[in-house]
Amino acid sequence: MTPLPALRRLAFGLCALVMLAALAFHALMVLGVIAYGHRGQQPTGERVVFWFILTGLGTGLVLAGSAANRARLDLRGVALLSVLAVSVAFVRWFSPDPYYLTTGGSIADGGTMSVRWIVTLLVAAALCLLSAPAGRRRAATGLGAAAVWLSATVVMTDGSNH
């Protein structure tokens, strides 16, 4: 039987892999390597964003439950996931959107997501990063849960035209 810590490491690793793939996808779009195609057409690789949303929403809920139950998670992993999730939302905010095809703009150019949301995500991830090394288990896990879940929600709401 596989010990629980090994399963946790595997789950953290798989979540991080999905988040890295979504981050790479949006970074390549920002750099112009992946074209965002025509109005109403999804860019190549868009499916990874769907998996990021599912992973982020699920991971955020699991982390929230872990914080409430005072589960002993690897706080470095929680901090890593929160930073990756917020990075995806942040880069997504700057990536091109087919809705703005005629202007070549992005969500950051006046889209549905306010800069306040992005700042909130960055603050949550920063506080999680500060709480983790200090051993503040509930704070780090709770802030990590909020950062991951809200990042997935931000990408989901911004991604409706993408």
N, C-alpha and C. Protein backbone atom coordinates (compact mmCIF):
# COMPACT_ATOMS: atom_id res chain seq x y z
N MET A 1 0.85 -1.18 0.00
CA MET A 1 0.00 0.00 0.00
C MET A 1 0.89 1.25 0.00
N THR A 2 0.55 2.24 -0.83
CA THR A 2 1.33 3.47 -0.93
C THR A 2 1.04 4.35 0.27
N PRO A 3 2.09 4.83 0.93
CA PRO A 3 1.86 5.71 2.06
C PRO A 3 1.25 7.04 1.61
N LEU A 4 0.48 7.65 2.50
CA LEU A 4 -0.22 8.89 2.19
C LEU A 4 0.73 10.02 1.76
N PRO A 5 1.89 10.20 2.40
CA PRO A 5 2.78 11.27 1.94
C PRO A 5 3.21 11.11 0.48
N ALA A 6 3.40 9.88 0.03
CA ALA A 6 3.79 9.66 -1.37
C ALA A 6 2.65 10.06 -2.31
N LEU A 7 1.41 9.77 -1.92
CA LEU A 7 0.27 10.18 -2.72
C LEU A 7 0.13 11.70 -2.75
N ARG A 8 0.40 12.34 -1.63
CA ARG A 8 0.34 13.80 -1.58
C ARG A 8 1.38 14.41 -2.51
N ARG A 9 2.60 13.86 -2.47
CA ARG A 9 3.65 14.38 -3.36
C ARG A 9 3.26 14.20 -4.82
N LEU A 10 2.68 13.05 -5.15
CA LEU A 10 2.23 12.81 -6.51
C LEU A 10 1.14 13.80 -6.90
N ALA A 11 0.17 14.01 -6.03
CA ALA A 11 -0.91 14.95 -6.31
C ALA A 11 -0.38 16.37 -6.47
N PHE A 12 0.51 16.79 -5.57
CA PHE A 12 1.12 18.13 -5.69
C PHE A 12 1.88 18.25 -7.00
N GLY A 13 2.62 17.19 -7.36
CA GLY A 13 3.39 17.20 -8.60
C GLY A 13 2.51 17.30 -9.84
N LEU A 14 1.42 16.55 -9.86
CA LEU A 14 0.51 16.60 -11.00
C LEU A 14 -0.16 17.97 -11.11
N CYS A 15 -0.56 18.53 -9.98
CA CYS A 15 -1.16 19.87 -9.99
C CYS A 15 -0.15 20.89 -10.49
N ALA A 16 1.07 20.80 -10.01
CA ALA A 16 2.11 21.73 -10.44
C ALA A 16 2.38 21.58 -11.94
N LEU A 17 2.36 20.37 -12.45
CA LEU A 17 2.59 20.13 -13.87
C LEU A 17 1.50 20.78 -14.73
N VAL A 18 0.26 20.63 -14.33
CA VAL A 18 -0.85 21.26 -15.07
C VAL A 18 -0.71 22.78 -15.02
N MET A 19 -0.36 23.31 -13.85
CA MET A 19 -0.21 24.76 -13.72
C MET A 19 0.96 25.28 -14.55
N LEU A 20 2.05 24.53 -14.59
CA LEU A 20 3.19 24.92 -15.42
C LEU A 20 2.83 24.92 -16.90
N ALA A 21 2.04 23.93 -17.32
CA ALA A 21 1.62 23.86 -18.72
C ALA A 21 0.76 25.07 -19.08
N ALA A 22 -0.17 25.44 -18.20
CA ALA A 22 -1.02 26.61 -18.46
C ALA A 22 -0.19 27.89 -18.45
N LEU A 23 0.77 27.97 -17.55
CA LEU A 23 1.65 29.14 -17.49
C LEU A 23 2.48 29.25 -18.78
N ALA A 24 3.02 28.14 -19.24
CA ALA A 24 3.80 28.14 -20.48
C ALA A 24 2.93 28.54 -21.67
N PHE A 25 1.71 28.02 -21.72
CA PHE A 25 0.79 28.35 -22.80
C PHE A 25 0.55 29.86 -22.87
N HIS A 26 0.22 30.46 -21.74
CA HIS A 26 -0.07 31.90 -21.74
C HIS A 26 1.20 32.73 -21.97
N ALA A 27 2.32 32.28 -21.45
CA ALA A 27 3.57 33.00 -21.68
C ALA A 27 3.92 32.98 -23.17
N LEU A 28 3.71 31.86 -23.83
CA LEU A 28 3.97 31.77 -25.27
C LEU A 28 3.02 32.66 -26.07
N MET A 29 1.80 32.81 -25.57
CA MET A 29 0.86 33.72 -26.23
C MET A 29 1.31 35.17 -26.06
N VAL A 30 1.73 35.53 -24.86
CA VAL A 30 2.20 36.90 -24.60
C VAL A 30 3.41 37.21 -25.49
N LEU A 31 4.29 36.23 -25.65
CA LEU A 31 5.50 36.43 -26.46
C LEU A 31 5.21 36.36 -27.96
N GLY A 32 4.00 35.99 -28.33
CA GLY A 32 3.64 35.93 -29.74
C GLY A 32 4.01 34.65 -30.44
N VAL A 33 4.46 33.66 -29.70
CA VAL A 33 4.82 32.37 -30.30
C VAL A 33 3.57 31.61 -30.72
N ILE A 34 2.53 31.67 -29.90
CA ILE A 34 1.25 31.06 -30.23
C ILE A 34 0.30 32.18 -30.64
N ALA A 35 -0.23 32.08 -31.85
CA ALA A 35 -1.17 33.08 -32.33
C ALA A 35 -2.55 32.82 -31.74
N TYR A 36 -3.29 33.88 -31.52
CA TYR A 36 -4.61 33.68 -30.95
C TYR A 36 -5.70 33.57 -31.99
N GLY A 37 -5.34 33.42 -33.22
CA GLY A 37 -6.27 33.04 -34.27
C GLY A 37 -7.29 34.09 -34.65
N HIS A 38 -8.48 33.63 -34.95
CA HIS A 38 -9.55 34.48 -35.45
C HIS A 38 -10.62 34.66 -34.38
N ARG A 39 -11.43 35.70 -34.53
CA ARG A 39 -12.50 35.96 -33.56
C ARG A 39 -13.36 34.71 -33.39
N GLY A 40 -13.55 34.34 -32.13
CA GLY A 40 -14.36 33.18 -31.80
C GLY A 40 -13.63 31.84 -31.93
N GLN A 41 -12.40 31.85 -32.39
CA GLN A 41 -11.63 30.61 -32.58
C GLN A 41 -10.64 30.46 -31.43
N GLN A 42 -10.58 29.29 -30.84
CA GLN A 42 -9.65 29.06 -29.75
C GLN A 42 -8.24 28.86 -30.28
N PRO A 43 -7.25 29.40 -29.57
CA PRO A 43 -5.87 29.17 -29.99
C PRO A 43 -5.45 27.72 -29.76
N THR A 44 -4.42 27.31 -30.46
CA THR A 44 -3.86 25.97 -30.28
C THR A 44 -3.37 25.83 -28.84
N GLY A 45 -3.78 24.77 -28.18
CA GLY A 45 -3.34 24.53 -26.81
C GLY A 45 -4.29 25.04 -25.74
N GLU A 46 -5.41 25.59 -26.13
CA GLU A 46 -6.36 26.17 -25.18
C GLU A 46 -6.88 25.15 -24.17
N ARG A 47 -6.88 23.88 -24.54
CA ARG A 47 -7.41 22.83 -23.65
C ARG A 47 -6.67 22.81 -22.32
N VAL A 48 -5.40 23.18 -22.29
CA VAL A 48 -4.64 23.17 -21.04
C VAL A 48 -5.23 24.16 -20.03
N VAL A 49 -5.85 25.22 -20.52
CA VAL A 49 -6.48 26.20 -19.62
C VAL A 49 -7.68 25.57 -18.93
N PHE A 50 -8.44 24.77 -19.66
CA PHE A 50 -9.57 24.05 -19.07
C PHE A 50 -9.09 23.15 -17.93
N TRP A 51 -7.99 22.44 -18.17
CA TRP A 51 -7.46 21.56 -17.13
C TRP A 51 -6.92 22.36 -15.95
N PHE A 52 -6.34 23.52 -16.22
CA PHE A 52 -5.89 24.39 -15.13
C PHE A 52 -7.07 24.81 -14.26
N ILE A 53 -8.17 25.19 -14.90
CA ILE A 53 -9.35 25.63 -14.14
C ILE A 53 -9.86 24.50 -13.25
N LEU A 54 -10.00 23.31 -13.83
CA LEU A 54 -10.46 22.16 -13.03
C LEU A 54 -9.50 21.86 -11.89
N THR A 55 -8.21 21.83 -12.20
CA THR A 55 -7.20 21.54 -11.19
C THR A 55 -7.19 22.61 -10.11
N GLY A 56 -7.25 23.87 -10.51
CA GLY A 56 -7.21 24.97 -9.55
C GLY A 56 -8.41 24.99 -8.63
N LEU A 57 -9.60 24.78 -9.18
CA LEU A 57 -10.80 24.78 -8.34
C LEU A 57 -10.76 23.61 -7.35
N GLY A 58 -10.38 22.43 -7.86
CA GLY A 58 -10.30 21.26 -6.98
C GLY A 58 -9.21 21.39 -5.92
N THR A 59 -8.04 21.84 -6.34
CA THR A 59 -6.92 21.99 -5.40
C THR A 59 -7.24 23.04 -4.35
N GLY A 60 -7.85 24.13 -4.77
CA GLY A 60 -8.23 25.18 -3.81
C GLY A 60 -9.18 24.65 -2.75
N LEU A 61 -10.14 23.85 -3.16
CA LEU A 61 -11.09 23.28 -2.18
C LEU A 61 -10.41 22.29 -1.25
N VAL A 62 -9.53 21.46 -1.80
CA VAL A 62 -8.80 20.50 -0.96
C VAL A 62 -7.92 21.23 0.05
N LEU A 63 -7.22 22.27 -0.40
CA LEU A 63 -6.38 23.04 0.52
C LEU A 63 -7.21 23.73 1.59
N ALA A 64 -8.37 24.24 1.22
CA ALA A 64 -9.24 24.88 2.20
C ALA A 64 -9.69 23.87 3.26
N GLY A 65 -10.06 22.68 2.80
CA GLY A 65 -10.43 21.63 3.75
C GLY A 65 -9.27 21.21 4.62
N SER A 66 -8.08 21.18 4.05
CA SER A 66 -6.88 20.83 4.81
C SER A 66 -6.58 21.88 5.87
N ALA A 67 -6.78 23.14 5.52
CA ALA A 67 -6.56 24.22 6.50
C ALA A 67 -7.56 24.11 7.64
N ALA A 68 -8.81 23.82 7.30
CA ALA A 68 -9.85 23.71 8.32
C ALA A 68 -9.60 22.51 9.24
N ASN A 69 -9.06 21.43 8.70
CA ASN A 69 -8.81 20.21 9.48
C ASN A 69 -7.40 20.14 10.03
N ARG A 70 -6.63 21.19 9.83
CA ARG A 70 -5.24 21.26 10.31
C ARG A 70 -4.40 20.09 9.83
N ALA A 71 -4.59 19.75 8.57
CA ALA A 71 -3.81 18.66 7.97
C ALA A 71 -2.35 19.07 7.85
N ARG A 72 -1.48 18.11 7.96
CA ARG A 72 -0.04 18.39 7.90
C ARG A 72 0.44 18.24 6.45
N LEU A 73 0.32 19.32 5.71
CA LEU A 73 0.78 19.34 4.33
C LEU A 73 2.17 19.96 4.25
N ASP A 74 2.85 19.68 3.18
CA ASP A 74 4.15 20.30 2.93
C ASP A 74 3.90 21.76 2.56
N LEU A 75 4.27 22.67 3.44
CA LEU A 75 3.97 24.08 3.22
C LEU A 75 4.73 24.65 2.02
N ARG A 76 5.89 24.08 1.71
CA ARG A 76 6.60 24.53 0.51
C ARG A 76 5.79 24.20 -0.74
N GLY A 77 5.15 23.04 -0.74
CA GLY A 77 4.30 22.65 -1.87
C GLY A 77 3.08 23.54 -1.99
N VAL A 78 2.49 23.88 -0.85
CA VAL A 78 1.33 24.78 -0.86
C VAL A 78 1.75 26.14 -1.42
N ALA A 79 2.88 26.65 -0.95
CA ALA A 79 3.36 27.95 -1.44
C ALA A 79 3.67 27.88 -2.93
N LEU A 80 4.28 26.79 -3.38
CA LEU A 80 4.60 26.63 -4.80
C LEU A 80 3.33 26.63 -5.65
N LEU A 81 2.32 25.88 -5.23
CA LEU A 81 1.07 25.83 -5.98
C LEU A 81 0.40 27.19 -6.03
N SER A 82 0.44 27.92 -4.92
CA SER A 82 -0.20 29.24 -4.91
C SER A 82 0.52 30.20 -5.86
N VAL A 83 1.84 30.16 -5.86
CA VAL A 83 2.61 31.03 -6.76
C VAL A 83 2.37 30.65 -8.23
N LEU A 84 2.34 29.36 -8.52
CA LEU A 84 2.09 28.92 -9.90
C LEU A 84 0.70 29.34 -10.36
N ALA A 85 -0.31 29.14 -9.52
CA ALA A 85 -1.68 29.49 -9.90
C ALA A 85 -1.82 30.99 -10.13
N VAL A 86 -1.26 31.78 -9.24
CA VAL A 86 -1.33 33.24 -9.40
C VAL A 86 -0.55 33.67 -10.63
N SER A 87 0.56 33.01 -10.91
CA SER A 87 1.34 33.34 -12.11
C SER A 87 0.53 33.08 -13.38
N VAL A 88 -0.24 32.00 -13.40
CA VAL A 88 -1.08 31.71 -14.57
C VAL A 88 -2.10 32.83 -14.75
N ALA A 89 -2.77 33.22 -13.67
CA ALA A 89 -3.78 34.29 -13.77
C ALA A 89 -3.13 35.61 -14.19
N PHE A 90 -1.95 35.89 -13.66
CA PHE A 90 -1.26 37.14 -13.98
C PHE A 90 -0.86 37.19 -15.46
N VAL A 91 -0.25 36.11 -15.94
CA VAL A 91 0.18 36.08 -17.35
C VAL A 91 -1.05 36.03 -18.26
N ARG A 92 -2.09 35.33 -17.84
CA ARG A 92 -3.34 35.29 -18.62
C ARG A 92 -3.90 36.69 -18.81
N TRP A 93 -3.76 37.51 -17.80
CA TRP A 93 -4.27 38.87 -17.84
C TRP A 93 -3.62 39.67 -18.97
N PHE A 94 -2.36 39.35 -19.27
CA PHE A 94 -1.64 40.05 -20.32
C PHE A 94 -1.67 39.35 -21.67
N SER A 95 -2.17 38.12 -21.72
CA SER A 95 -2.15 37.39 -22.98
C SER A 95 -3.23 37.91 -23.93
N PRO A 96 -3.00 37.80 -25.23
CA PRO A 96 -3.97 38.28 -26.21
C PRO A 96 -5.29 37.55 -26.10
N ASP A 97 -6.35 38.24 -26.43
CA ASP A 97 -7.69 37.66 -26.36
C ASP A 97 -8.38 37.87 -27.70
N PRO A 98 -8.98 36.83 -28.28
CA PRO A 98 -9.65 36.97 -29.57
C PRO A 98 -10.75 38.03 -29.57
N TYR A 99 -11.32 38.32 -28.41
CA TYR A 99 -12.34 39.35 -28.33
C TYR A 99 -11.78 40.69 -28.78
N TYR A 100 -10.50 40.91 -28.49
CA TYR A 100 -9.84 42.16 -28.86
C TYR A 100 -9.03 42.00 -30.14
N LEU A 101 -9.44 41.09 -31.02
CA LEU A 101 -8.66 40.75 -32.20
C LEU A 101 -8.33 41.96 -33.07
N THR A 102 -9.28 42.86 -33.24
CA THR A 102 -9.04 44.01 -34.13
C THR A 102 -8.03 44.99 -33.55
N THR A 103 -7.91 45.03 -32.22
CA THR A 103 -6.96 45.95 -31.59
C THR A 103 -5.70 45.27 -31.11
N GLY A 104 -5.71 43.93 -31.05
CA GLY A 104 -4.55 43.20 -30.55
C GLY A 104 -4.38 43.34 -29.05
N GLY A 105 -5.46 43.65 -28.35
CA GLY A 105 -5.38 43.89 -26.92
C GLY A 105 -5.51 42.64 -26.08
N SER A 106 -5.45 42.86 -24.77
CA SER A 106 -5.57 41.77 -23.81
C SER A 106 -6.57 42.20 -22.73
N ILE A 107 -6.79 41.32 -21.77
CA ILE A 107 -7.68 41.62 -20.66
C ILE A 107 -7.18 42.84 -19.90
N ALA A 108 -5.88 43.00 -19.80
CA ALA A 108 -5.28 44.12 -19.08
C ALA A 108 -5.60 45.47 -19.73
N ASP A 109 -6.02 45.44 -20.98
CA ASP A 109 -6.33 46.67 -21.69
C ASP A 109 -7.77 47.12 -21.49
N GLY A 110 -8.35 46.79 -20.38
CA GLY A 110 -9.71 47.24 -20.09
C GLY A 110 -10.74 46.14 -20.18
N GLY A 111 -10.33 44.93 -19.94
CA GLY A 111 -11.26 43.80 -20.01
C GLY A 111 -12.11 43.68 -18.76
N THR A 112 -12.68 42.51 -18.58
CA THR A 112 -13.61 42.28 -17.48
C THR A 112 -12.93 42.21 -16.12
N MET A 113 -11.66 41.93 -16.09
CA MET A 113 -10.98 41.73 -14.82
C MET A 113 -10.20 42.98 -14.41
N SER A 114 -10.56 43.50 -13.27
CA SER A 114 -9.92 44.70 -12.75
C SER A 114 -8.52 44.39 -12.24
N VAL A 115 -7.69 45.41 -12.22
CA VAL A 115 -6.33 45.26 -11.69
C VAL A 115 -6.39 44.91 -10.20
N ARG A 116 -7.46 45.27 -9.52
CA ARG A 116 -7.61 44.94 -8.09
C ARG A 116 -7.61 43.44 -7.86
N TRP A 117 -8.22 42.69 -8.78
CA TRP A 117 -8.22 41.23 -8.64
C TRP A 117 -6.81 40.68 -8.74
N ILE A 118 -6.06 41.20 -9.68
CA ILE A 118 -4.69 40.72 -9.87
C ILE A 118 -3.85 41.06 -8.64
N VAL A 119 -4.01 42.27 -8.11
CA VAL A 119 -3.28 42.66 -6.91
C VAL A 119 -3.68 41.78 -5.73
N THR A 120 -4.96 41.48 -5.60
CA THR A 120 -5.43 40.61 -4.52
C THR A 120 -4.77 39.23 -4.61
N LEU A 121 -4.69 38.68 -5.81
CA LEU A 121 -4.04 37.38 -6.00
C LEU A 121 -2.57 37.45 -5.63
N LEU A 122 -1.89 38.50 -6.08
CA LEU A 122 -0.47 38.65 -5.78
C LEU A 122 -0.24 38.77 -4.27
N VAL A 123 -1.09 39.50 -3.58
CA VAL A 123 -0.96 39.66 -2.12
C VAL A 123 -1.20 38.32 -1.41
N ALA A 124 -2.23 37.58 -1.84
CA ALA A 124 -2.51 36.28 -1.22
C ALA A 124 -1.33 35.33 -1.38
N ALA A 125 -0.75 35.29 -2.58
CA ALA A 125 0.41 34.41 -2.81
C ALA A 125 1.61 34.87 -1.98
N ALA A 126 1.82 36.18 -1.91
CA ALA A 126 2.95 36.70 -1.12
C ALA A 126 2.78 36.37 0.36
N LEU A 127 1.59 36.53 0.88
CA LEU A 127 1.34 36.20 2.29
C LEU A 127 1.50 34.70 2.55
N CYS A 128 1.10 33.88 1.59
CA CYS A 128 1.30 32.44 1.71
C CYS A 128 2.79 32.13 1.74
N LEU A 129 3.54 32.78 0.86
CA LEU A 129 5.00 32.57 0.83
C LEU A 129 5.66 32.99 2.14
N LEU A 130 5.16 34.05 2.75
CA LEU A 130 5.73 34.52 4.02
C LEU A 130 5.31 33.62 5.19
N SER A 131 4.11 33.07 5.13
CA SER A 131 3.60 32.23 6.22
C SER A 131 4.23 30.84 6.23
N ALA A 132 4.53 30.31 5.05
CA ALA A 132 5.04 28.93 4.96
C ALA A 132 6.35 28.73 5.70
N PRO A 133 7.39 29.56 5.47
CA PRO A 133 8.65 29.32 6.18
C PRO A 133 8.54 29.58 7.69
N ALA A 134 7.58 30.42 8.07
CA ALA A 134 7.40 30.73 9.49
C ALA A 134 6.67 29.60 10.22
N GLY A 135 6.21 28.59 9.46
CA GLY A 135 5.53 27.45 10.07
C GLY A 135 4.09 27.74 10.46
N ARG A 136 3.52 28.78 9.93
CA ARG A 136 2.13 29.12 10.22
C ARG A 136 1.24 28.29 9.29
N ARG A 137 1.02 27.06 9.72
CA ARG A 137 0.37 26.05 8.89
C ARG A 137 -1.02 26.45 8.41
N ARG A 138 -1.88 26.87 9.31
CA ARG A 138 -3.25 27.21 8.90
C ARG A 138 -3.26 28.45 8.02
N ALA A 139 -2.44 29.43 8.36
CA ALA A 139 -2.40 30.66 7.55
C ALA A 139 -1.88 30.35 6.15
N ALA A 140 -0.79 29.62 6.07
CA ALA A 140 -0.21 29.31 4.75
C ALA A 140 -1.16 28.47 3.91
N THR A 141 -1.77 27.47 4.52
CA THR A 141 -2.68 26.60 3.77
C THR A 141 -3.94 27.35 3.36
N GLY A 142 -4.49 28.15 4.27
CA GLY A 142 -5.68 28.94 3.95
C GLY A 142 -5.43 29.98 2.86
N LEU A 143 -4.31 30.68 2.98
CA LEU A 143 -3.96 31.68 1.96
C LEU A 143 -3.64 31.00 0.63
N GLY A 144 -2.97 29.86 0.70
CA GLY A 144 -2.69 29.11 -0.53
C GLY A 144 -3.97 28.65 -1.20
N ALA A 145 -4.92 28.17 -0.39
CA ALA A 145 -6.22 27.75 -0.93
C ALA A 145 -6.92 28.90 -1.62
N ALA A 146 -6.92 30.06 -0.96
CA ALA A 146 -7.57 31.24 -1.55
C ALA A 146 -6.89 31.65 -2.84
N ALA A 147 -5.56 31.66 -2.85
CA ALA A 147 -4.82 32.08 -4.04
C ALA A 147 -5.08 31.14 -5.21
N VAL A 148 -5.05 29.83 -4.95
CA VAL A 148 -5.24 28.85 -6.02
C VAL A 148 -6.67 28.89 -6.54
N TRP A 149 -7.65 28.87 -5.64
CA TRP A 149 -9.05 28.84 -6.06
C TRP A 149 -9.43 30.13 -6.78
N LEU A 150 -9.04 31.27 -6.24
CA LEU A 150 -9.37 32.54 -6.89
C LEU A 150 -8.66 32.69 -8.23
N SER A 151 -7.44 32.19 -8.34
CA SER A 151 -6.74 32.25 -9.62
C SER A 151 -7.48 31.45 -10.68
N ALA A 152 -7.94 30.27 -10.31
CA ALA A 152 -8.71 29.46 -11.26
C ALA A 152 -10.01 30.16 -11.64
N THR A 153 -10.64 30.80 -10.68
CA THR A 153 -11.88 31.53 -10.94
C THR A 153 -11.63 32.72 -11.87
N VAL A 154 -10.55 33.44 -11.64
CA VAL A 154 -10.19 34.57 -12.49
C VAL A 154 -9.94 34.10 -13.92
N VAL A 155 -9.18 33.03 -14.08
CA VAL A 155 -8.90 32.51 -15.41
C VAL A 155 -10.18 32.01 -16.07
N MET A 156 -11.06 31.41 -15.30
CA MET A 156 -12.32 30.92 -15.84
C MET A 156 -13.19 32.07 -16.33
N THR A 157 -13.31 33.13 -15.55
CA THR A 157 -14.17 34.24 -15.96
C THR A 157 -13.54 35.04 -17.09
N ASP A 158 -12.23 35.19 -17.08
CA ASP A 158 -11.54 35.89 -18.16
C ASP A 158 -11.47 35.05 -19.41
N GLY A 159 -11.50 33.75 -19.26
CA GLY A 159 -11.32 32.86 -20.39
C GLY A 159 -12.55 32.62 -21.22
N SER A 160 -13.66 33.28 -20.90
CA SER A 160 -14.89 33.00 -21.63
C SER A 160 -14.82 33.40 -23.10
N ASN A 161 -14.00 34.39 -23.42
CA ASN A 161 -13.86 34.79 -24.83
C ASN A 161 -12.56 34.29 -25.42
N HIS A 162 -11.84 33.48 -24.72
CA HIS A 162 -10.47 33.12 -25.06
C HIS A 162 -10.40 31.68 -25.50
